[in-house]
Protein backbone atom coordinates (compact mmCIF):
# COMPACT_ATOMS: atom_id res chain seq x y z
CA MET A 1 18.24 -195.22 195.55
CA LYS A 2 21.12 -197.18 194.05
CA GLN A 3 24.64 -195.96 194.64
CA PRO A 4 26.03 -194.32 191.45
CA ILE A 5 28.51 -196.46 189.50
CA TYR A 6 31.37 -194.00 190.15
CA HIS A 7 30.90 -194.44 193.91
CA GLN A 8 30.85 -198.22 193.56
CA LEU A 9 33.96 -198.11 191.41
CA SER A 10 35.74 -195.81 193.86
CA ASP A 11 34.91 -198.16 196.75
CA ALA A 12 35.92 -201.28 194.79
CA VAL A 13 39.35 -199.95 193.77
CA LEU A 14 39.97 -199.18 197.45
CA GLY A 15 39.32 -202.85 198.22
CA GLU A 16 36.00 -202.21 199.98
CA LYS A 17 33.24 -204.81 199.85
CA LEU A 18 30.25 -203.93 197.70
CA GLY A 19 26.70 -205.27 197.86
CA ASP A 20 26.45 -209.07 197.50
CA GLU A 21 24.06 -208.71 194.52
CA LEU A 22 26.91 -207.23 192.43
CA TYR A 23 28.93 -210.44 192.72
CA LYS A 24 26.22 -212.74 191.38
CA ILE A 25 25.55 -212.84 187.67
CA GLN A 26 21.92 -213.70 187.09
CA GLY A 27 21.38 -216.86 185.08
CA ILE A 28 24.88 -218.22 185.75
CA GLU A 29 25.50 -220.84 188.41
CA SER A 30 28.51 -220.22 190.63
CA THR A 31 30.16 -221.92 193.58
CA VAL A 32 31.61 -218.63 194.83
CA ASP A 33 30.48 -217.63 198.33
CA VAL A 34 29.55 -213.96 197.75
CA LYS A 35 29.77 -213.24 201.47
CA LYS A 36 33.53 -213.88 201.25
CA VAL A 37 34.18 -211.94 198.02
CA LYS A 38 36.14 -208.73 198.41
CA PRO A 39 37.75 -206.60 195.67
CA THR A 40 41.52 -206.35 195.47
CA LYS A 41 42.78 -202.82 196.11
CA ILE A 42 44.30 -201.07 193.08
CA ASP A 43 46.92 -198.55 194.20
CA ASN A 44 46.78 -195.11 192.55
CA PHE A 45 43.79 -196.11 190.40
CA TRP A 46 42.40 -192.58 190.00
CA GLY A 47 45.86 -191.16 189.29
CA ILE A 48 46.36 -193.66 186.48
CA VAL A 49 42.90 -193.02 184.99
CA LEU A 50 43.20 -189.23 185.10
CA ASP A 51 46.75 -189.31 183.74
CA LYS A 52 45.81 -191.62 180.84
CA GLU A 53 42.92 -189.29 179.96
CA GLY A 54 45.31 -186.32 179.81
CA LEU A 55 43.67 -184.54 182.74
CA LEU A 56 46.89 -184.16 184.72
CA THR A 57 49.11 -181.48 183.23
CA GLU A 58 51.53 -180.55 185.99
CA GLU A 59 53.91 -182.71 188.02
CA VAL A 60 52.25 -181.40 191.20
CA ASP A 61 48.92 -182.80 189.85
CA VAL A 62 50.48 -186.25 189.53
CA ASP A 63 51.97 -186.08 193.04
CA ASN A 64 48.71 -184.95 194.60
CA ILE A 65 46.40 -187.31 192.75
CA THR A 66 48.34 -190.31 194.09
CA LYS A 67 46.95 -189.30 197.52
CA VAL A 68 43.29 -189.59 196.46
CA SER A 69 41.55 -192.07 198.72
CA LYS A 70 38.00 -191.64 197.39
CA LEU A 71 36.27 -190.02 194.48
CA ARG A 72 32.61 -189.01 194.65
CA VAL A 73 30.51 -187.80 191.73
CA GLU A 74 27.21 -185.97 192.20
CA MET A 75 24.83 -185.04 189.39
CA VAL A 76 23.99 -181.38 189.96
CA ASP A 77 21.88 -180.71 186.84
CA PRO A 78 21.08 -183.65 184.56
CA ALA A 79 19.65 -181.34 181.88
CA ILE A 80 23.13 -179.99 181.10
CA ASN A 81 25.24 -182.91 182.44
CA HIS A 82 26.54 -180.70 185.26
CA ILE A 83 28.41 -182.84 187.80
CA ARG A 84 30.37 -182.15 190.97
CA VAL A 85 33.47 -184.26 191.60
CA THR A 86 34.77 -184.50 195.17
CA PHE A 87 38.16 -185.99 196.00
CA ASP A 88 39.11 -187.24 199.48
CA PHE A 89 42.86 -187.30 200.09
CA THR A 90 45.03 -189.32 202.46
CA SER A 91 47.49 -187.35 204.53
């Protein structure tokens, strides 16, 4: 089963290497060696996203969300779009 896009995004913004197939665009020739490609880490990515979407309402939310190291999303019930979001925090 393919890894959900949210998991891939969470890993990429942390600077973690994703599957080589994601770095090759089919039908386009490239001289890039996909074995050497690695995303650049984006500090506080989830804090920025959640703040811009208006999901952080308290100053303590902003302080805590800057410590998120990973975000995982699990589809619990597709019939009603019920998802579970899990945050991992750095200490």
